[in-house]
Amino acid sequence: LRILKELDKRKMYHVRLIYNTNFSKSKFKGTDIFELWNKFDSVSIG
């Protein structure tokens, strides 16, 4: 979450985000991760 917020702060939305996740969670510490992903140009969820 710290990394995503830093990228958001710097508006580095061109950075590609790739995940390997068990896909059991979509929210953390009051943040909807799905909503945050909408800001980035390229997000891949494995």
All heavy atoms as atom14 arrays in JSON, in Angstrom:
{
  "sequence": "LRILKELDKRKMYHVRLIYNTNFSKSKFKGTDIFELWNKFDSVSIG",
  "atom14_mask": [
    [1, 1, 1, 1, 1, 1, 1, 1, 0, 0, 0, 0, 0, 0],
    [1, 1, 1, 1, 1, 1, 1, 1, 1, 1, 1, 0, 0, 0],
    [1, 1, 1, 1, 1, 1, 1, 1, 0, 0, 0, 0, 0, 0],
    [1, 1, 1, 1, 1, 1, 1, 1, 0, 0, 0, 0, 0, 0],
    [1, 1, 1, 1, 1, 1, 1, 1, 1, 0, 0, 0, 0, 0],
    [1, 1, 1, 1, 1, 1, 1, 1, 1, 0, 0, 0, 0, 0],
    [1, 1, 1, 1, 1, 1, 1, 1, 0, 0, 0, 0, 0, 0],
    [1, 1, 1, 1, 1, 1, 1, 1, 0, 0, 0, 0, 0, 0],
    [1, 1, 1, 1, 1, 1, 1, 1, 1, 0, 0, 0, 0, 0],
    [1, 1, 1, 1, 1, 1, 1, 1, 1, 1, 1, 0, 0, 0],
    [1, 1, 1, 1, 1, 1, 1, 1, 1, 0, 0, 0, 0, 0],
    [1, 1, 1, 1, 1, 1, 1, 1, 0, 0, 0, 0, 0, 0],
    [1, 1, 1, 1, 1, 1, 1, 1, 1, 1, 1, 1, 0, 0],
    [1, 1, 1, 1, 1, 1, 1, 1, 1, 1, 0, 0, 0, 0],
    [1, 1, 1, 1, 1, 1, 1, 0, 0, 0, 0, 0, 0, 0],
    [1, 1, 1, 1, 1, 1, 1, 1, 1, 1, 1, 0, 0, 0],
    [1, 1, 1, 1, 1, 1, 1, 1, 0, 0, 0, 0, 0, 0],
    [1, 1, 1, 1, 1, 1, 1, 1, 0, 0, 0, 0, 0, 0],
    [1, 1, 1, 1, 1, 1, 1, 1, 1, 1, 1, 1, 0, 0],
    [1, 1, 1, 1, 1, 1, 1, 1, 0, 0, 0, 0, 0, 0],
    [1, 1, 1, 1, 1, 1, 1, 0, 0, 0, 0, 0, 0, 0],
    [1, 1, 1, 1, 1, 1, 1, 1, 0, 0, 0, 0, 0, 0],
    [1, 1, 1, 1, 1, 1, 1, 1, 1, 1, 1, 0, 0, 0],
    [1, 1, 1, 1, 1, 1, 0, 0, 0, 0, 0, 0, 0, 0],
    [1, 1, 1, 1, 1, 1, 1, 1, 1, 0, 0, 0, 0, 0],
    [1, 1, 1, 1, 1, 1, 0, 0, 0, 0, 0, 0, 0, 0],
    [1, 1, 1, 1, 1, 1, 1, 1, 1, 0, 0, 0, 0, 0],
    [1, 1, 1, 1, 1, 1, 1, 1, 1, 1, 1, 0, 0, 0],
    [1, 1, 1, 1, 1, 1, 1, 1, 1, 0, 0, 0, 0, 0],
    [1, 1, 1, 1, 0, 0, 0, 0, 0, 0, 0, 0, 0, 0],
    [1, 1, 1, 1, 1, 1, 1, 0, 0, 0, 0, 0, 0, 0],
    [1, 1, 1, 1, 1, 1, 1, 1, 0, 0, 0, 0, 0, 0],
    [1, 1, 1, 1, 1, 1, 1, 1, 0, 0, 0, 0, 0, 0],
    [1, 1, 1, 1, 1, 1, 1, 1, 1, 1, 1, 0, 0, 0],
    [1, 1, 1, 1, 1, 1, 1, 1, 1, 0, 0, 0, 0, 0],
    [1, 1, 1, 1, 1, 1, 1, 1, 0, 0, 0, 0, 0, 0],
    [1, 1, 1, 1, 1, 1, 1, 1, 1, 1, 1, 1, 1, 1],
    [1, 1, 1, 1, 1, 1, 1, 1, 0, 0, 0, 0, 0, 0],
    [1, 1, 1, 1, 1, 1, 1, 1, 1, 0, 0, 0, 0, 0],
    [1, 1, 1, 1, 1, 1, 1, 1, 1, 1, 1, 0, 0, 0],
    [1, 1, 1, 1, 1, 1, 1, 1, 0, 0, 0, 0, 0, 0],
    [1, 1, 1, 1, 1, 1, 0, 0, 0, 0, 0, 0, 0, 0],
    [1, 1, 1, 1, 1, 1, 1, 0, 0, 0, 0, 0, 0, 0],
    [1, 1, 1, 1, 1, 1, 0, 0, 0, 0, 0, 0, 0, 0],
    [1, 1, 1, 1, 1, 1, 1, 1, 0, 0, 0, 0, 0, 0],
    [1, 1, 1, 1, 0, 0, 0, 0, 0, 0, 0, 0, 0, 0]
  ],
  "atom14_positions": [
    [[0.83, -1.21, 0.0], [0.0, 0.0, 0.0], [0.86, 1.26, 0.0], [0.54, 2.25, -0.66], [-0.94, -0.01, 1.2], [-1.97, 1.12, 1.27], [-2.87, 1.12, 0.04], [-2.81, 1.0, 2.54], [0.0, 0.0, 0.0], [0.0, 0.0, 0.0], [0.0, 0.0, 0.0], [0.0, 0.0, 0.0], [0.0, 0.0, 0.0], [0.0, 0.0, 0.0]],
    [[1.96, 1.21, 0.72], [2.89, 2.35, 0.79], [3.44, 2.69, -0.6], [3.53, 3.86, -0.98], [4.02, 2.01, 1.75], [4.87, 3.19, 2.2], [5.86, 2.73, 3.26], [6.61, 3.82, 3.83], [7.56, 3.66, 4.75], [7.86, 2.44, 5.2], [8.21, 4.72, 5.24], [0.0, 0.0, 0.0], [0.0, 0.0, 0.0], [0.0, 0.0, 0.0]],
    [[3.79, 1.67, -1.36], [4.31, 1.88, -2.71], [3.24, 2.47, -3.62], [3.49, 3.43, -4.37], [4.85, 0.56, -3.29], [6.15, 0.17, -2.57], [5.09, 0.68, -4.8], [6.63, -1.22, -2.9], [0.0, 0.0, 0.0], [0.0, 0.0, 0.0], [0.0, 0.0, 0.0], [0.0, 0.0, 0.0], [0.0, 0.0, 0.0], [0.0, 0.0, 0.0]],
    [[2.03, 1.92, -3.59], [0.96, 2.44, -4.43], [0.67, 3.9, -4.12], [0.46, 4.71, -5.03], [-0.32, 1.61, -4.25], [-0.34, 0.19, -4.79], [-1.78, -0.32, -4.9], [0.33, 0.09, -6.15], [0.0, 0.0, 0.0], [0.0, 0.0, 0.0], [0.0, 0.0, 0.0], [0.0, 0.0, 0.0], [0.0, 0.0, 0.0], [0.0, 0.0, 0.0]],
    [[0.66, 4.24, -2.84], [0.38, 5.63, -2.46], [1.52, 6.56, -2.88], [1.28, 7.71, -3.25], [0.1, 5.72, -0.96], [-1.25, 5.11, -0.58], [-1.6, 5.37, 0.87], [-3.03, 4.92, 1.17], [-3.44, 5.19, 2.58], [0.0, 0.0, 0.0], [0.0, 0.0, 0.0], [0.0, 0.0, 0.0], [0.0, 0.0, 0.0], [0.0, 0.0, 0.0]],
    [[2.76, 6.09, -2.83], [3.9, 6.89, -3.28], [3.81, 7.12, -4.79], [4.08, 8.23, -5.28], [5.21, 6.21, -2.91], [6.47, 7.01, -3.23], [6.64, 8.26, -2.39], [6.09, 8.31, -1.26], [7.34, 9.2, -2.86], [0.0, 0.0, 0.0], [0.0, 0.0, 0.0], [0.0, 0.0, 0.0], [0.0, 0.0, 0.0], [0.0, 0.0, 0.0]],
    [[3.47, 6.08, -5.53], [3.3, 6.22, -6.97], [2.17, 7.2, -7.29], [2.28, 8.02, -8.2], [3.01, 4.86, -7.61], [4.17, 3.86, -7.64], [3.67, 2.49, -8.07], [5.28, 4.33, -8.57], [0.0, 0.0, 0.0], [0.0, 0.0, 0.0], [0.0, 0.0, 0.0], [0.0, 0.0, 0.0], [0.0, 0.0, 0.0], [0.0, 0.0, 0.0]],
    [[1.11, 7.09, -6.53], [-0.04, 7.99, -6.7], [0.36, 9.44, -6.4], [0.04, 10.36, -7.15], [-1.18, 7.55, -5.79], [-2.48, 8.32, -6.03], [-2.67, 8.85, -7.15], [-3.31, 8.38, -5.09], [0.0, 0.0, 0.0], [0.0, 0.0, 0.0], [0.0, 0.0, 0.0], [0.0, 0.0, 0.0], [0.0, 0.0, 0.0], [0.0, 0.0, 0.0]],
    [[1.1, 9.63, -5.33], [1.58, 10.96, -4.93], [2.43, 11.58, -6.03], [2.32, 12.78, -6.32], [2.37, 10.83, -3.63], [3.04, 12.1, -3.15], [3.87, 11.82, -1.9], [4.76, 12.97, -1.52], [5.62, 12.62, -0.35], [0.0, 0.0, 0.0], [0.0, 0.0, 0.0], [0.0, 0.0, 0.0], [0.0, 0.0, 0.0], [0.0, 0.0, 0.0]],
    [[3.29, 10.79, -6.65], [4.19, 11.27, -7.71], [3.53, 11.25, -9.1], [4.17, 11.64, -10.08], [5.46, 10.43, -7.75], [6.29, 10.45, -6.48], [7.56, 9.65, -6.64], [8.33, 9.57, -5.42], [9.67, 9.55, -5.39], [10.36, 9.61, -6.52], [10.31, 9.44, -4.24], [0.0, 0.0, 0.0], [0.0, 0.0, 0.0], [0.0, 0.0, 0.0]],
    [[2.3, 10.75, -9.14], [1.56, 10.61, -10.39], [2.33, 9.77, -11.42], [2.32, 10.05, -12.62], [1.2, 11.99, -10.98], [0.33, 12.84, -10.04], [-0.21, 14.06, -10.7], [-1.0, 14.93, -9.72], [-2.1, 14.19, -9.03], [0.0, 0.0, 0.0], [0.0, 0.0, 0.0], [0.0, 0.0, 0.0], [0.0, 0.0, 0.0], [0.0, 0.0, 0.0]],
    [[2.99, 8.74, -10.93], [3.74, 7.83, -11.78], [2.84, 6.69, -12.24], [3.08, 5.52, -11.99], [4.96, 7.3, -11.03], [6.01, 8.36, -10.73], [7.41, 7.74, -9.72], [8.17, 6.56, -10.84], [0.0, 0.0, 0.0], [0.0, 0.0, 0.0], [0.0, 0.0, 0.0], [0.0, 0.0, 0.0], [0.0, 0.0, 0.0], [0.0, 0.0, 0.0]],
    [[1.8, 7.05, -12.96], [0.81, 6.08, -13.37], [1.26, 5.24, -14.56], [0.59, 4.27, -14.94], [-0.51, 6.79, -13.68], [-1.05, 7.6, -12.52], [-1.37, 8.95, -12.67], [-1.23, 7.01, -11.28], [-1.85, 9.69, -11.6], [-1.72, 7.73, -10.2], [-2.01, 9.08, -10.37], [-2.49, 9.82, -9.3], [0.0, 0.0, 0.0], [0.0, 0.0, 0.0]],
    [[2.4, 5.6, -15.13], [2.95, 4.82, -16.24], [3.63, 3.54, -15.77], [3.87, 2.63, -16.58], [3.99, 5.65, -17.01], [5.2, 5.99, -16.18], [5.19, 7.0, -15.25], [6.46, 5.44, -16.13], [6.37, 7.07, -14.65], [7.16, 6.12, -15.17], [0.0, 0.0, 0.0], [0.0, 0.0, 0.0], [0.0, 0.0, 0.0], [0.0, 0.0, 0.0]],
    [[3.97, 3.47, -14.47], [4.64, 2.3, -13.93], [3.71, 1.1, -14.0], [2.56, 1.17, -13.58], [5.1, 2.55, -12.48], [5.67, 1.27, -11.87], [6.15, 3.67, -12.45], [0.0, 0.0, 0.0], [0.0, 0.0, 0.0], [0.0, 0.0, 0.0], [0.0, 0.0, 0.0], [0.0, 0.0, 0.0], [0.0, 0.0, 0.0], [0.0, 0.0, 0.0]],
    [[4.22, 0.01, -14.53], [3.43, -1.2, -14.67], [3.37, -1.96, -13.34], [4.41, -2.17, -12.7], [4.01, -2.08, -15.76], [3.11, -3.24, -16.16], [3.77, -4.08, -17.26], [2.84, -5.08, -17.76], [3.19, -6.2, -18.34], [4.48, -6.48, -18.49], [2.29, -7.06, -18.77], [0.0, 0.0, 0.0], [0.0, 0.0, 0.0], [0.0, 0.0, 0.0]],
    [[2.18, -2.36, -12.95], [1.97, -3.12, -11.72], [1.57, -4.55, -12.07], [0.6, -4.76, -12.81], [0.88, -2.48, -10.85], [1.01, -0.99, -10.54], [-0.18, -0.53, -9.71], [2.32, -0.69, -9.82], [0.0, 0.0, 0.0], [0.0, 0.0, 0.0], [0.0, 0.0, 0.0], [0.0, 0.0, 0.0], [0.0, 0.0, 0.0], [0.0, 0.0, 0.0]],
    [[2.32, -5.5, -11.57], [2.01, -6.91, -11.8], [1.89, -7.61, -10.46], [2.69, -7.39, -9.56], [3.09, -7.59, -12.67], [3.19, -6.88, -14.02], [2.76, -9.06, -12.89], [4.21, -7.49, -14.94], [0.0, 0.0, 0.0], [0.0, 0.0, 0.0], [0.0, 0.0, 0.0], [0.0, 0.0, 0.0], [0.0, 0.0, 0.0], [0.0, 0.0, 0.0]],
    [[0.89, -8.45, -10.35], [0.61, -9.13, -9.08], [0.55, -10.63, -9.23], [0.07, -11.16, -10.24], [-0.75, -8.68, -8.54], [-0.82, -7.28, -8.02], [-0.93, -6.2, -8.9], [-0.79, -7.01, -6.66], [-1.0, -4.9, -8.44], [-0.86, -5.71, -6.19], [-0.97, -4.67, -7.08], [-1.04, -3.38, -6.61], [0.0, 0.0, 0.0], [0.0, 0.0, 0.0]],
    [[1.03, -11.29, -8.21], [0.7, -12.67, -7.96], [0.0, -12.68, -6.6], [0.62, -12.46, -5.58], [1.95, -13.56, -7.94], [1.59, -15.02, -7.76], [1.6, -15.53, -6.66], [1.25, -15.68, -8.83], [0.0, 0.0, 0.0], [0.0, 0.0, 0.0], [0.0, 0.0, 0.0], [0.0, 0.0, 0.0], [0.0, 0.0, 0.0], [0.0, 0.0, 0.0]],
    [[-1.29, -12.91, -6.63], [-2.11, -12.78, -5.43], [-3.07, -13.96, -5.34], [-3.49, -14.51, -6.36], [-2.92, -11.47, -5.46], [-3.94, -11.48, -4.44], [-3.6, -11.24, -6.8], [0.0, 0.0, 0.0], [0.0, 0.0, 0.0], [0.0, 0.0, 0.0], [0.0, 0.0, 0.0], [0.0, 0.0, 0.0], [0.0, 0.0, 0.0], [0.0, 0.0, 0.0]],
    [[-3.42, -14.33, -4.12], [-4.42, -15.39, -3.96], [-5.83, -14.88, -4.2], [-6.78, -15.66, -4.17], [-4.3, -16.09, -2.6], [-4.48, -15.14, -1.41], [-5.33, -14.25, -1.4], [-3.69, -15.37, -0.35], [0.0, 0.0, 0.0], [0.0, 0.0, 0.0], [0.0, 0.0, 0.0], [0.0, 0.0, 0.0], [0.0, 0.0, 0.0], [0.0, 0.0, 0.0]],
    [[-5.96, -13.58, -4.42], [-7.21, -12.94, -4.83], [-8.33, -13.09, -3.79], [-9.51, -13.1, -4.12], [-7.67, -13.46, -6.19], [-8.51, -12.5, -6.97], [-8.01, -11.27, -7.35], [-9.81, -12.84, -7.32], [-8.81, -10.37, -8.05], [-10.61, -11.95, -8.04], [-10.1, -10.72, -8.4], [0.0, 0.0, 0.0], [0.0, 0.0, 0.0], [0.0, 0.0, 0.0]],
    [[-7.93, -13.15, -2.54], [-8.92, -13.27, -1.47], [-9.34, -11.92, -0.9], [-10.37, -11.81, -0.25], [-8.37, -14.15, -0.35], [-7.22, -13.55, 0.24], [0.0, 0.0, 0.0], [0.0, 0.0, 0.0], [0.0, 0.0, 0.0], [0.0, 0.0, 0.0], [0.0, 0.0, 0.0], [0.0, 0.0, 0.0], [0.0, 0.0, 0.0], [0.0, 0.0, 0.0]],
    [[-8.52, -10.88, -1.13], [-8.77, -9.56, -0.56], [-8.76, -8.5, -1.66], [-7.97, -8.57, -2.6], [-7.7, -9.22, 0.49], [-7.57, -10.24, 1.62], [-8.81, -10.25, 2.5], [-8.65, -11.26, 3.64], [-9.87, -11.33, 4.48], [0.0, 0.0, 0.0], [0.0, 0.0, 0.0], [0.0, 0.0, 0.0], [0.0, 0.0, 0.0], [0.0, 0.0, 0.0]],
    [[-9.6, -7.5, -1.51], [-9.62, -6.38, -2.44], [-9.55, -5.03, -1.72], [-9.47, -3.99, -2.37], [-10.88, -6.42, -3.3], [-12.05, -6.28, -2.5], [0.0, 0.0, 0.0], [0.0, 0.0, 0.0], [0.0, 0.0, 0.0], [0.0, 0.0, 0.0], [0.0, 0.0, 0.0], [0.0, 0.0, 0.0], [0.0, 0.0, 0.0], [0.0, 0.0, 0.0]],
    [[-9.57, -5.05, -0.39], [-9.5, -3.83, 0.4], [-8.49, -4.01, 1.53], [-8.32, -5.11, 2.05], [-10.87, -3.48, 0.97], [-11.93, -3.2, -0.1], [-13.29, -2.91, 0.5], [-14.32, -2.68, -0.6], [-15.67, -2.42, -0.05], [0.0, 0.0, 0.0], [0.0, 0.0, 0.0], [0.0, 0.0, 0.0], [0.0, 0.0, 0.0], [0.0, 0.0, 0.0]],
    [[-7.81, -2.9, 1.9], [-6.82, -2.96, 2.97], [-6.69, -1.59, 3.6], [-6.53, -0.6, 2.91], [-5.47, -3.43, 2.43], [-4.4, -3.58, 3.48], [-4.5, -4.59, 4.44], [-3.31, -2.74, 3.53], [-3.54, -4.73, 5.43], [-2.33, -2.88, 4.49], [-2.44, -3.88, 5.46], [0.0, 0.0, 0.0], [0.0, 0.0, 0.0], [0.0, 0.0, 0.0]],
    [[-6.79, -1.55, 4.94], [-6.62, -0.31, 5.71], [-7.53, 0.8, 5.18], [-7.12, 1.96, 5.06], [-5.16, 0.15, 5.66], [-4.16, -0.82, 6.29], [-4.2, -0.77, 7.79], [-3.13, -1.66, 8.4], [-3.06, -1.62, 9.86], [0.0, 0.0, 0.0], [0.0, 0.0, 0.0], [0.0, 0.0, 0.0], [0.0, 0.0, 0.0], [0.0, 0.0, 0.0]],
    [[-8.74, 0.45, 4.86], [-9.71, 1.44, 4.4], [-9.55, 1.85, 2.95], [-10.3, 2.71, 2.46], [0.0, 0.0, 0.0], [0.0, 0.0, 0.0], [0.0, 0.0, 0.0], [0.0, 0.0, 0.0], [0.0, 0.0, 0.0], [0.0, 0.0, 0.0], [0.0, 0.0, 0.0], [0.0, 0.0, 0.0], [0.0, 0.0, 0.0], [0.0, 0.0, 0.0]],
    [[-8.6, 1.24, 2.23], [-8.37, 1.56, 0.82], [-8.93, 0.46, -0.07], [-8.65, -0.72, 0.15], [-6.87, 1.74, 0.52], [-6.35, 2.83, 1.29], [-6.64, 2.02, -0.95], [0.0, 0.0, 0.0], [0.0, 0.0, 0.0], [0.0, 0.0, 0.0], [0.0, 0.0, 0.0], [0.0, 0.0, 0.0], [0.0, 0.0, 0.0], [0.0, 0.0, 0.0]],
    [[-9.73, 0.85, -1.05], [-10.23, -0.09, -2.04], [-9.17, -0.22, -3.13], [-8.96, 0.7, -3.92], [-11.55, 0.42, -2.64], [-12.23, -0.61, -3.54], [-11.51, -1.41, -4.18], [-13.47, -0.62, -3.62], [0.0, 0.0, 0.0], [0.0, 0.0, 0.0], [0.0, 0.0, 0.0], [0.0, 0.0, 0.0], [0.0, 0.0, 0.0], [0.0, 0.0, 0.0]],
    [[-8.48, -1.33, -3.14], [-7.38, -1.53, -4.07], [-7.88, -1.51, -5.52], [-7.21, -1.0, -6.42], [-6.64, -2.85, -3.78], [-6.14, -2.88, -2.32], [-5.46, -3.03, -4.74], [-5.18, -1.77, -1.97], [0.0, 0.0, 0.0], [0.0, 0.0, 0.0], [0.0, 0.0, 0.0], [0.0, 0.0, 0.0], [0.0, 0.0, 0.0], [0.0, 0.0, 0.0]],
    [[-9.06, -2.04, -5.77], [-9.63, -2.03, -7.12], [-9.77, -0.6, -7.63], [-9.48, -0.3, -8.79], [-11.01, -2.7, -7.14], [-10.97, -4.2, -6.97], [-12.17, -4.93, -6.93], [-9.78, -4.9, -6.87], [-12.16, -6.31, -6.79], [-9.76, -6.29, -6.73], [-10.96, -6.98, -6.69], [0.0, 0.0, 0.0], [0.0, 0.0, 0.0], [0.0, 0.0, 0.0]],
    [[-10.24, 0.3, -6.77], [-10.4, 1.7, -7.15], [-9.04, 2.35, -7.44], [-8.9, 3.13, -8.37], [-11.12, 2.47, -6.05], [-12.59, 2.09, -5.85], [-13.51, 2.67, -6.91], [-13.01, 3.36, -7.83], [-14.73, 2.42, -6.81], [0.0, 0.0, 0.0], [0.0, 0.0, 0.0], [0.0, 0.0, 0.0], [0.0, 0.0, 0.0], [0.0, 0.0, 0.0]],
    [[-8.04, 2.02, -6.62], [-6.7, 2.59, -6.81], [-6.08, 2.12, -8.13], [-5.39, 2.89, -8.8], [-5.81, 2.22, -5.62], [-4.51, 3.0, -5.43], [-4.73, 4.5, -5.47], [-3.86, 2.6, -4.08], [0.0, 0.0, 0.0], [0.0, 0.0, 0.0], [0.0, 0.0, 0.0], [0.0, 0.0, 0.0], [0.0, 0.0, 0.0], [0.0, 0.0, 0.0]],
    [[-6.33, 0.88, -8.5], [-5.8, 0.36, -9.76], [-6.29, 1.15, -10.96], [-5.62, 1.22, -11.99], [-6.19, -1.12, -9.93], [-5.41, -2.05, -9.06], [-4.22, -1.8, -8.43], [-5.75, -3.39, -8.73], [-3.81, -2.9, -7.72], [-4.72, -3.89, -7.88], [-6.82, -4.22, -9.04], [-4.75, -5.19, -7.37], [-6.85, -5.51, -8.52], [-5.82, -5.99, -7.7]],
    [[-7.47, 1.74, -10.85], [-8.03, 2.5, -11.96], [-7.16, 3.67, -12.4], [-7.28, 4.15, -13.52], [-9.43, 3.03, -11.59], [-10.53, 2.01, -11.88], [-10.44, 1.25, -12.84], [-11.57, 2.01, -11.06], [0.0, 0.0, 0.0], [0.0, 0.0, 0.0], [0.0, 0.0, 0.0], [0.0, 0.0, 0.0], [0.0, 0.0, 0.0], [0.0, 0.0, 0.0]],
    [[-6.26, 4.14, -11.53], [-5.43, 5.29, -11.85], [-4.24, 4.92, -12.74], [-3.64, 5.81, -13.35], [-4.92, 5.94, -10.56], [-6.01, 6.57, -9.69], [-5.4, 7.34, -8.53], [-6.47, 8.06, -7.73], [-5.88, 8.92, -6.68], [0.0, 0.0, 0.0], [0.0, 0.0, 0.0], [0.0, 0.0, 0.0], [0.0, 0.0, 0.0], [0.0, 0.0, 0.0]],
    [[-3.89, 3.66, -12.8], [-2.67, 3.25, -13.48], [-2.94, 2.79, -14.91], [-3.99, 2.24, -15.23], [-1.97, 2.14, -12.68], [-1.41, 2.63, -11.38], [-2.18, 2.68, -10.24], [-0.09, 3.07, -11.32], [-1.67, 3.15, -9.04], [0.44, 3.54, -10.12], [-0.36, 3.59, -8.99], [0.0, 0.0, 0.0], [0.0, 0.0, 0.0], [0.0, 0.0, 0.0]],
    [[-1.93, 3.02, -15.77], [-2.07, 2.69, -17.19], [-2.05, 1.19, -17.44], [-2.7, 0.7, -18.37], [-0.93, 3.33, -17.99], [-0.92, 4.84, -17.92], [-1.99, 5.43, -17.64], [0.16, 5.44, -18.11], [0.0, 0.0, 0.0], [0.0, 0.0, 0.0], [0.0, 0.0, 0.0], [0.0, 0.0, 0.0], [0.0, 0.0, 0.0], [0.0, 0.0, 0.0]],
    [[-1.28, 0.45, -16.63], [-1.13, -0.98, -16.88], [-1.06, -1.74, -15.56], [-0.1, -1.59, -14.79], [0.14, -1.24, -17.7], [0.32, -2.63, -17.93], [0.0, 0.0, 0.0], [0.0, 0.0, 0.0], [0.0, 0.0, 0.0], [0.0, 0.0, 0.0], [0.0, 0.0, 0.0], [0.0, 0.0, 0.0], [0.0, 0.0, 0.0], [0.0, 0.0, 0.0]],
    [[-2.06, -2.54, -15.31], [-2.11, -3.39, -14.13], [-2.46, -4.8, -14.58], [-3.43, -5.01, -15.31], [-3.16, -2.91, -13.11], [-3.13, -3.79, -11.86], [-2.92, -1.45, -12.73], [0.0, 0.0, 0.0], [0.0, 0.0, 0.0], [0.0, 0.0, 0.0], [0.0, 0.0, 0.0], [0.0, 0.0, 0.0], [0.0, 0.0, 0.0], [0.0, 0.0, 0.0]],
    [[-1.66, -5.77, -14.17], [-1.91, -7.17, -14.5], [-2.04, -7.98, -13.22], [-1.14, -7.96, -12.39], [-0.77, -7.74, -15.36], [-0.77, -7.17, -16.65], [0.0, 0.0, 0.0], [0.0, 0.0, 0.0], [0.0, 0.0, 0.0], [0.0, 0.0, 0.0], [0.0, 0.0, 0.0], [0.0, 0.0, 0.0], [0.0, 0.0, 0.0], [0.0, 0.0, 0.0]],
    [[-3.13, -8.67, -13.1], [-3.39, -9.48, -11.91], [-3.3, -10.94, -12.26], [-4.14, -11.48, -12.99], [-4.8, -9.18, -11.33], [-5.0, -7.67, -11.15], [-5.0, -9.93, -10.02], [-3.98, -7.01, -10.28], [0.0, 0.0, 0.0], [0.0, 0.0, 0.0], [0.0, 0.0, 0.0], [0.0, 0.0, 0.0], [0.0, 0.0, 0.0], [0.0, 0.0, 0.0]],
    [[-2.29, -11.6, -11.75], [-2.16, -13.04, -11.86], [-2.73, -13.67, -10.61], [-2.12, -13.64, -9.55], [0.0, 0.0, 0.0], [0.0, 0.0, 0.0], [0.0, 0.0, 0.0], [0.0, 0.0, 0.0], [0.0, 0.0, 0.0], [0.0, 0.0, 0.0], [0.0, 0.0, 0.0], [0.0, 0.0, 0.0], [0.0, 0.0, 0.0], [0.0, 0.0, 0.0]]
  ]
}
